[in-house]
């Protein structure tokens, strides 16, 4: 992967930059997922306590997946968050 307008001659630098860009994309993807889940929870259940927002932001991908699915059928915020959330 190249930086626009510049091609790295050193293979180590090329890999280092590519890995950094990949990590940034992954982090941005997760932040986007978290933002959507928080928006869905807020629209469905009203303003969220800061503690819940912090927990969602700190969730791993697998938990975000489960949370996204539970939002679809939950009748309460507690059901959406699951146990022992």
PDB file of N, CA and C in Angstrom:
ATOM      1  N   UNK A   1       0.850  -1.164   0.000  1.00  0.00           N
ATOM      2  CA  UNK A   1       0.000   0.000   0.000  1.00  0.00           C
ATOM      3  C   UNK A   1       0.894   1.224   0.000  1.00  0.00           C
ATOM      4  N   UNK A   2       0.552   2.214  -0.760  1.00  0.00           N
ATOM      5  CA  UNK A   2       1.358   3.416  -0.882  1.00  0.00           C
ATOM      6  C   UNK A   2       0.641   4.621  -0.319  1.00  0.00           C
ATOM      7  N   UNK A   3       1.440   5.549   0.164  1.00  0.00           N
ATOM      8  CA  UNK A   3       0.910   6.841   0.546  1.00  0.00           C
ATOM      9  C   UNK A   3       0.751   7.628  -0.744  1.00  0.00           C
ATOM     10  N   UNK A   4      -0.351   8.375  -0.932  1.00  0.00           N
ATOM     11  CA  UNK A   4      -0.545   9.093  -2.186  1.00  0.00           C
ATOM     12  C   UNK A   4       0.678   9.932  -2.554  1.00  0.00           C
ATOM     13  N   UNK A   5       1.161   9.732  -3.773  1.00  0.00           N
ATOM     14  CA  UNK A   5       2.275  10.518  -4.260  1.00  0.00           C
ATOM     15  C   UNK A   5       3.638  10.020  -3.840  1.00  0.00           C
ATOM     16  N   UNK A   6       3.690   8.947  -3.074  1.00  0.00           N
ATOM     17  CA  UNK A   6       4.991   8.458  -2.620  1.00  0.00           C
ATOM     18  C   UNK A   6       4.971   6.941  -2.577  1.00  0.00           C
ATOM     19  N   UNK A   7       6.002   6.339  -3.130  1.00  0.00           N
ATOM     20  CA  UNK A   7       6.125   4.881  -3.083  1.00  0.00           C
ATOM     21  C   UNK A   7       7.326   4.520  -2.219  1.00  0.00           C
ATOM     22  N   UNK A   8       7.063   3.739  -1.169  1.00  0.00           N
ATOM     23  CA  UNK A   8       8.141   3.324  -0.274  1.00  0.00           C
ATOM     24  C   UNK A   8       9.042   2.315  -0.975  1.00  0.00           C
ATOM     25  N   UNK A   9      10.330   2.551  -0.886  1.00  0.00           N
ATOM     26  CA  UNK A   9      11.305   1.621  -1.473  1.00  0.00           C
ATOM     27  C   UNK A   9      11.633   0.496  -0.498  1.00  0.00           C
ATOM     28  N   UNK A  10      11.521   0.771   0.766  1.00  0.00           N
ATOM     29  CA  UNK A  10      11.861  -0.176   1.812  1.00  0.00           C
ATOM     30  C   UNK A  10      10.649  -1.057   2.120  1.00  0.00           C
ATOM     31  N   UNK A  11      10.805  -2.367   2.017  1.00  0.00           N
ATOM     32  CA  UNK A  11       9.702  -3.301   2.264  1.00  0.00           C
ATOM     33  C   UNK A  11       9.174  -3.198   3.691  1.00  0.00           C
ATOM     34  N   UNK A  12      10.073  -3.025   4.661  1.00  0.00           N
ATOM     35  CA  UNK A  12       9.647  -2.878   6.051  1.00  0.00           C
ATOM     36  C   UNK A  12       8.720  -1.679   6.190  1.00  0.00           C
ATOM     37  N   UNK A  13       9.089  -0.537   5.634  1.00  0.00           N
ATOM     38  CA  UNK A  13       8.247   0.659   5.726  1.00  0.00           C
ATOM     39  C   UNK A  13       6.919   0.448   5.015  1.00  0.00           C
ATOM     40  N   UNK A  14       6.945  -0.205   3.882  1.00  0.00           N
ATOM     41  CA  UNK A  14       5.711  -0.473   3.137  1.00  0.00           C
ATOM     42  C   UNK A  14       4.747  -1.294   3.982  1.00  0.00           C
ATOM     43  N   UNK A  15       5.254  -2.364   4.615  1.00  0.00           N
ATOM     44  CA  UNK A  15       4.401  -3.202   5.472  1.00  0.00           C
ATOM     45  C   UNK A  15       3.939  -2.441   6.705  1.00  0.00           C
ATOM     46  N   UNK A  16       4.852  -1.658   7.306  1.00  0.00           N
ATOM     47  CA  UNK A  16       4.531  -0.896   8.513  1.00  0.00           C
ATOM     48  C   UNK A  16       3.383   0.086   8.242  1.00  0.00           C
ATOM     49  N   UNK A  17       3.470   0.804   7.147  1.00  0.00           N
ATOM     50  CA  UNK A  17       2.424   1.761   6.788  1.00  0.00           C
ATOM     51  C   UNK A  17       1.126   1.025   6.480  1.00  0.00           C
ATOM     52  N   UNK A  18       1.196  -0.077   5.748  1.00  0.00           N
ATOM     53  CA  UNK A  18       0.001  -0.838   5.406  1.00  0.00           C
ATOM     54  C   UNK A  18      -0.688  -1.369   6.659  1.00  0.00           C
ATOM     55  N   UNK A  19       0.085  -1.878   7.614  1.00  0.00           N
ATOM     56  CA  UNK A  19      -0.497  -2.382   8.866  1.00  0.00           C
ATOM     57  C   UNK A  19      -1.146  -1.261   9.655  1.00  0.00           C
ATOM     58  N   UNK A  20      -0.512  -0.111   9.689  1.00  0.00           N
ATOM     59  CA  UNK A  20      -1.084   1.035  10.399  1.00  0.00           C
ATOM     60  C   UNK A  20      -2.387   1.481   9.778  1.00  0.00           C
ATOM     61  N   UNK A  21      -2.440   1.515   8.469  1.00  0.00           N
ATOM     62  CA  UNK A  21      -3.677   1.900   7.788  1.00  0.00           C
ATOM     63  C   UNK A  21      -4.775   0.879   8.033  1.00  0.00           C
ATOM     64  N   UNK A  22      -4.418  -0.394   8.032  1.00  0.00           N
ATOM     65  CA  UNK A  22      -5.408  -1.443   8.291  1.00  0.00           C
ATOM     66  C   UNK A  22      -5.957  -1.337   9.713  1.00  0.00           C
ATOM     67  N   UNK A  23      -5.088  -1.074  10.672  1.00  0.00           N
ATOM     68  CA  UNK A  23      -5.533  -0.916  12.061  1.00  0.00           C
ATOM     69  C   UNK A  23      -6.454   0.294  12.193  1.00  0.00           C
ATOM     70  N   UNK A  24      -6.118   1.378  11.516  1.00  0.00           N
ATOM     71  CA  UNK A  24      -6.963   2.572  11.576  1.00  0.00           C
ATOM     72  C   UNK A  24      -8.337   2.303  10.979  1.00  0.00           C
ATOM     73  N   UNK A  25      -8.380   1.561   9.876  1.00  0.00           N
ATOM     74  CA  UNK A  25      -9.670   1.222   9.262  1.00  0.00           C
ATOM     75  C   UNK A  25     -10.499   0.363  10.204  1.00  0.00           C
ATOM     76  N   UNK A  26      -9.870  -0.616  10.844  1.00  0.00           N
ATOM     77  CA  UNK A  26     -10.586  -1.503  11.765  1.00  0.00           C
ATOM     78  C   UNK A  26     -11.133  -0.711  12.950  1.00  0.00           C
ATOM     79  N   UNK A  27     -10.329   0.180  13.486  1.00  0.00           N
ATOM     80  CA  UNK A  27     -10.774   1.002  14.611  1.00  0.00           C
ATOM     81  C   UNK A  27     -11.939   1.901  14.192  1.00  0.00           C
ATOM     82  N   UNK A  28     -11.861   2.494  13.018  1.00  0.00           N
ATOM     83  CA  UNK A  28     -12.932   3.358  12.526  1.00  0.00           C
ATOM     84  C   UNK A  28     -14.212   2.555  12.297  1.00  0.00           C
ATOM     85  N   UNK A  29     -14.070   1.334  11.792  1.00  0.00           N
ATOM     86  CA  UNK A  29     -15.231   0.471  11.570  1.00  0.00           C
ATOM     87  C   UNK A  29     -15.930   0.170  12.894  1.00  0.00           C
ATOM     88  N   UNK A  30     -15.148  -0.149  13.913  1.00  0.00           N
ATOM     89  CA  UNK A  30     -15.733  -0.455  15.215  1.00  0.00           C
ATOM     90  C   UNK A  30     -16.406   0.782  15.803  1.00  0.00           C
ATOM     91  N   UNK A  31     -15.771   1.935  15.698  1.00  0.00           N
ATOM     92  CA  UNK A  31     -16.368   3.164  16.210  1.00  0.00           C
ATOM     93  C   UNK A  31     -17.700   3.441  15.519  1.00  0.00           C
ATOM     94  N   UNK A  32     -17.753   3.168  14.222  1.00  0.00           N
ATOM     95  CA  UNK A  32     -18.995   3.350  13.482  1.00  0.00           C
ATOM     96  C   UNK A  32     -20.090   2.419  13.975  1.00  0.00           C
ATOM     97  N   UNK A  33     -19.736   1.165  14.220  1.00  0.00           N
ATOM     98  CA  UNK A  33     -20.709   0.200  14.752  1.00  0.00           C
ATOM     99  C   UNK A  33     -21.228   0.653  16.114  1.00  0.00           C
ATOM    100  N   UNK A  34     -20.320   1.086  16.972  1.00  0.00           N
ATOM    101  CA  UNK A  34     -20.707   1.550  18.309  1.00  0.00           C
ATOM    102  C   UNK A  34     -21.651   2.739  18.192  1.00  0.00           C
ATOM    103  N   UNK A  35     -21.331   3.681  17.323  1.00  0.00           N
ATOM    104  CA  UNK A  35     -22.187   4.861  17.155  1.00  0.00           C
ATOM    105  C   UNK A  35     -23.597   4.481  16.710  1.00  0.00           C
ATOM    106  N   UNK A  36     -23.703   3.533  15.774  1.00  0.00           N
ATOM    107  CA  UNK A  36     -25.014   3.092  15.303  1.00  0.00           C
ATOM    108  C   UNK A  36     -25.778   2.404  16.426  1.00  0.00           C
ATOM    109  N   UNK A  37     -25.131   1.537  17.162  1.00  0.00           N
ATOM    110  CA  UNK A  37     -25.801   0.834  18.269  1.00  0.00           C
ATOM    111  C   UNK A  37     -26.268   1.817  19.330  1.00  0.00           C
ATOM    112  N   UNK A  38     -25.434   2.777  19.694  1.00  0.00           N
ATOM    113  CA  UNK A  38     -25.842   3.781  20.685  1.00  0.00           C
ATOM    114  C   UNK A  38     -27.020   4.602  20.176  1.00  0.00           C
ATOM    115  N   UNK A  39     -27.016   4.943  18.898  1.00  0.00           N
ATOM    116  CA  UNK A  39     -28.128   5.696  18.307  1.00  0.00           C
ATOM    117  C   UNK A  39     -29.404   4.871  18.351  1.00  0.00           C
ATOM    118  N   UNK A  40     -29.319   3.593  17.995  1.00  0.00           N
ATOM    119  CA  UNK A  40     -30.494   2.731  18.021  1.00  0.00           C
ATOM    120  C   UNK A  40     -31.048   2.600  19.433  1.00  0.00           C
ATOM    121  N   UNK A  41     -30.171   2.396  20.395  1.00  0.00           N
ATOM    122  CA  UNK A  41     -30.613   2.288  21.789  1.00  0.00           C
ATOM    123  C   UNK A  41     -31.281   3.569  22.254  1.00  0.00           C
ATOM    124  N   UNK A  42     -30.718   4.703  21.899  1.00  0.00           N
ATOM    125  CA  UNK A  42     -31.269   5.994  22.316  1.00  0.00           C
ATOM    126  C   UNK A  42     -32.629   6.248  21.681  1.00  0.00           C
ATOM    127  N   UNK A  43     -32.754   5.964  20.397  1.00  0.00           N
ATOM    128  CA  UNK A  43     -34.030   6.173  19.718  1.00  0.00           C
ATOM    129  C   UNK A  43     -35.101   5.264  20.306  1.00  0.00           C
ATOM    130  N   UNK A  44     -34.720   4.048  20.593  1.00  0.00           N
ATOM    131  CA  UNK A  44     -35.700   3.070  21.071  1.00  0.00           C
ATOM    132  C   UNK A  44     -36.052   3.240  22.546  1.00  0.00           C
ATOM    133  N   UNK A  45     -35.055   3.561  23.378  1.00  0.00           N
ATOM    134  CA  UNK A  45     -35.279   3.539  24.831  1.00  0.00           C
ATOM    135  C   UNK A  45     -35.051   4.882  25.523  1.00  0.00           C
ATOM    136  N   UNK A  46     -34.687   5.904  24.778  1.00  0.00           N
ATOM    137  CA  UNK A  46     -34.468   7.216  25.381  1.00  0.00           C
ATOM    138  C   UNK A  46     -33.005   7.428  25.754  1.00  0.00           C
ATOM    139  N   UNK A  47     -32.722   8.577  26.343  1.00  0.00           N
ATOM    140  CA  UNK A  47     -31.335   8.911  26.696  1.00  0.00           C
ATOM    141  C   UNK A  47     -30.685   7.814  27.542  1.00  0.00           C
ATOM    142  N   UNK A  48     -29.442   7.519  27.215  1.00  0.00           N
ATOM    143  CA  UNK A  48     -28.712   6.452  27.902  1.00  0.00           C
ATOM    144  C   UNK A  48     -27.815   7.020  28.995  1.00  0.00           C
ATOM    145  N   UNK A  49     -27.774   6.349  30.142  1.00  0.00           N
ATOM    146  CA  UNK A  49     -26.830   6.767  31.176  1.00  0.00           C
ATOM    147  C   UNK A  49     -25.393   6.661  30.664  1.00  0.00           C
ATOM    148  N   UNK A  50     -24.530   7.495  31.162  1.00  0.00           N
ATOM    149  CA  UNK A  50     -23.128   7.508  30.754  1.00  0.00           C
ATOM    150  C   UNK A  50     -22.486   6.136  30.959  1.00  0.00           C
ATOM    151  N   UNK A  51     -22.855   5.448  32.035  1.00  0.00           N
ATOM    152  CA  UNK A  51     -22.296   4.121  32.318  1.00  0.00           C
ATOM    153  C   UNK A  51     -22.604   3.133  31.190  1.00  0.00           C
ATOM    154  N   UNK A  52     -23.816   3.177  30.657  1.00  0.00           N
ATOM    155  CA  UNK A  52     -24.198   2.280  29.561  1.00  0.00           C
ATOM    156  C   UNK A  52     -23.422   2.644  28.304  1.00  0.00           C
ATOM    157  N   UNK A  53     -23.305   3.932  28.016  1.00  0.00           N
ATOM    158  CA  UNK A  53     -22.550   4.365  26.838  1.00  0.00           C
ATOM    159  C   UNK A  53     -21.097   3.887  26.928  1.00  0.00           C
ATOM    160  N   UNK A  54     -20.514   4.010  28.101  1.00  0.00           N
ATOM    161  CA  UNK A  54     -19.126   3.575  28.303  1.00  0.00           C
ATOM    162  C   UNK A  54     -18.989   2.075  28.102  1.00  0.00           C
ATOM    163  N   UNK A  55     -19.942   1.317  28.629  1.00  0.00           N
ATOM    164  CA  UNK A  55     -19.891  -0.142  28.467  1.00  0.00           C
ATOM    165  C   UNK A  55     -20.001  -0.545  27.000  1.00  0.00           C
ATOM    166  N   UNK A  56     -20.906   0.087  26.277  1.00  0.00           N
ATOM    167  CA  UNK A  56     -21.059  -0.241  24.862  1.00  0.00           C
ATOM    168  C   UNK A  56     -19.784   0.109  24.110  1.00  0.00           C
ATOM    169  N   UNK A  57     -19.215   1.271  24.383  1.00  0.00           N
ATOM    170  CA  UNK A  57     -17.982   1.685  23.704  1.00  0.00           C
ATOM    171  C   UNK A  57     -16.829   0.714  23.987  1.00  0.00           C
ATOM    172  N   UNK A  58     -16.827   0.086  25.148  1.00  0.00           N
ATOM    173  CA  UNK A  58     -15.758  -0.841  25.511  1.00  0.00           C
ATOM    174  C   UNK A  58     -16.006  -2.283  25.110  1.00  0.00           C
ATOM    175  N   UNK A  59     -17.144  -2.547  24.476  1.00  0.00           N
ATOM    176  CA  UNK A  59     -17.498  -3.920  24.107  1.00  0.00           C
ATOM    177  C   UNK A  59     -16.639  -4.442  22.964  1.00  0.00           C
ATOM    178  N   UNK A  60     -16.390  -5.737  23.010  1.00  0.00           N
ATOM    179  CA  UNK A  60     -15.684  -6.418  21.927  1.00  0.00           C
ATOM    180  C   UNK A  60     -16.662  -6.677  20.780  1.00  0.00           C
ATOM    181  N   UNK A  61     -16.133  -7.033  19.621  1.00  0.00           N
ATOM    182  CA  UNK A  61     -16.965  -7.241  18.434  1.00  0.00           C
ATOM    183  C   UNK A  61     -18.080  -8.256  18.657  1.00  0.00           C
ATOM    184  N   UNK A  62     -17.784  -9.361  19.314  1.00  0.00           N
ATOM    185  CA  UNK A  62     -18.799 -10.398  19.526  1.00  0.00           C
ATOM    186  C   UNK A  62     -19.968  -9.867  20.348  1.00  0.00           C
ATOM    187  N   UNK A  63     -19.679  -9.079  21.360  1.00  0.00           N
ATOM    188  CA  UNK A  63     -20.751  -8.509  22.181  1.00  0.00           C
ATOM    189  C   UNK A  63     -21.528  -7.466  21.390  1.00  0.00           C
ATOM    190  N   UNK A  64     -20.855  -6.693  20.566  1.00  0.00           N
ATOM    191  CA  UNK A  64     -21.563  -5.721  19.723  1.00  0.00           C
ATOM    192  C   UNK A  64     -22.519  -6.437  18.780  1.00  0.00           C
ATOM    193  N   UNK A  65     -22.105  -7.589  18.249  1.00  0.00           N
ATOM    194  CA  UNK A  65     -22.978  -8.380  17.388  1.00  0.00           C
ATOM    195  C   UNK A  65     -24.230  -8.825  18.141  1.00  0.00           C
ATOM    196  N   UNK A  66     -24.040  -9.359  19.338  1.00  0.00           N
ATOM    197  CA  UNK A  66     -25.188  -9.817  20.136  1.00  0.00           C
ATOM    198  C   UNK A  66     -26.097  -8.651  20.495  1.00  0.00           C
ATOM    199  N   UNK A  67     -25.511  -7.541  20.858  1.00  0.00           N
ATOM    200  CA  UNK A  67     -26.286  -6.355  21.220  1.00  0.00           C
ATOM    201  C   UNK A  67     -27.104  -5.861  20.030  1.00  0.00           C
ATOM    202  N   UNK A  68     -26.496  -5.817  18.857  1.00  0.00           N
ATOM    203  CA  UNK A  68     -27.200  -5.374  17.650  1.00  0.00           C
ATOM    204  C   UNK A  68     -28.406  -6.274  17.360  1.00  0.00           C
ATOM    205  N   UNK A  69     -28.275  -7.565  17.604  1.00  0.00           N
ATOM    206  CA  UNK A  69     -29.388  -8.493  17.384  1.00  0.00           C
ATOM    207  C   UNK A  69     -30.472  -8.328  18.444  1.00  0.00           C
ATOM    208  N   UNK A  70     -30.077  -8.169  19.695  1.00  0.00           N
ATOM    209  CA  UNK A  70     -31.064  -8.040  20.773  1.00  0.00           C
ATOM    210  C   UNK A  70     -31.872  -6.760  20.655  1.00  0.00           C
ATOM    211  N   UNK A  71     -31.287  -5.702  20.117  1.00  0.00           N
ATOM    212  CA  UNK A  71     -32.009  -4.440  19.966  1.00  0.00           C
ATOM    213  C   UNK A  71     -33.274  -4.650  19.134  1.00  0.00           C
ATOM    214  N   UNK A  72     -33.224  -5.566  18.195  1.00  0.00           N
ATOM    215  CA  UNK A  72     -34.348  -5.776  17.282  1.00  0.00           C
ATOM    216  C   UNK A  72     -35.590  -6.314  17.967  1.00  0.00           C
ATOM    217  N   UNK A  73     -35.424  -7.074  19.036  1.00  0.00           N
ATOM    218  CA  UNK A  73     -36.579  -7.719  19.668  1.00  0.00           C
ATOM    219  C   UNK A  73     -36.806  -7.312  21.110  1.00  0.00           C
ATOM    220  N   UNK A  74     -35.895  -6.603  21.703  1.00  0.00           N
ATOM    221  CA  UNK A  74     -36.010  -6.253  23.127  1.00  0.00           C
ATOM    222  C   UNK A  74     -37.171  -5.295  23.372  1.00  0.00           C
ATOM    223  N   UNK A  75     -37.845  -5.525  24.479  1.00  0.00           N
ATOM    224  CA  UNK A  75     -38.920  -4.634  24.899  1.00  0.00           C
ATOM    225  C   UNK A  75     -38.431  -3.574  25.876  1.00  0.00           C
ATOM    226  N   UNK A  76     -37.291  -3.858  26.509  1.00  0.00           N
ATOM    227  CA  UNK A  76     -36.728  -2.927  27.485  1.00  0.00           C
ATOM    228  C   UNK A  76     -35.239  -2.759  27.222  1.00  0.00           C
ATOM    229  N   UNK A  77     -34.683  -1.698  27.783  1.00  0.00           N
ATOM    230  CA  UNK A  77     -33.246  -1.482  27.679  1.00  0.00           C
ATOM    231  C   UNK A  77     -32.492  -2.635  28.318  1.00  0.00           C
ATOM    232  N   UNK A  78     -32.989  -3.133  29.426  1.00  0.00           N
ATOM    233  CA  UNK A  78     -32.330  -4.242  30.110  1.00  0.00           C
ATOM    234  C   UNK A  78     -32.279  -5.479  29.218  1.00  0.00           C
ATOM    235  N   UNK A  79     -33.372  -5.761  28.515  1.00  0.00           N
ATOM    236  CA  UNK A  79     -33.375  -6.900  27.597  1.00  0.00           C
ATOM    237  C   UNK A  79     -32.390  -6.681  26.456  1.00  0.00           C
ATOM    238  N   UNK A  80     -32.317  -5.476  25.942  1.00  0.00           N
ATOM    239  CA  UNK A  80     -31.402  -5.169  24.847  1.00  0.00           C
ATOM    240  C   UNK A  80     -29.958  -5.356  25.287  1.00  0.00           C
ATOM    241  N   UNK A  81     -29.664  -4.935  26.507  1.00  0.00           N
ATOM    242  CA  UNK A  81     -28.309  -5.028  27.005  1.00  0.00           C
ATOM    243  C   UNK A  81     -27.926  -6.448  27.383  1.00  0.00           C
ATOM    244  N   UNK A  82     -28.920  -7.259  27.728  1.00  0.00           N
ATOM    245  CA  UNK A  82     -28.647  -8.651  28.092  1.00  0.00           C
ATOM    246  C   UNK A  82     -28.059  -8.761  29.484  1.00  0.00           C
ATOM    247  N   UNK A  83     -27.897  -9.981  29.911  1.00  0.00           N
ATOM    248  CA  UNK A  83     -27.367 -10.263  31.234  1.00  0.00           C
ATOM    249  C   UNK A  83     -25.978 -10.876  31.042  1.00  0.00           C
ATOM    250  N   UNK A  84     -25.003 -10.522  31.790  1.00  0.00           N
ATOM    251  CA  UNK A  84     -24.957  -9.641  32.956  1.00  0.00           C
ATOM    252  C   UNK A  84     -24.512  -8.221  32.622  1.00  0.00           C
ATOM    253  N   UNK A  85     -24.884  -7.699  31.513  1.00  0.00           N
ATOM    254  CA  UNK A  85     -24.447  -6.378  31.070  1.00  0.00           C
ATOM    255  C   UNK A  85     -24.622  -5.375  32.152  1.00  0.00           C
TER     256      UNK A  85
END
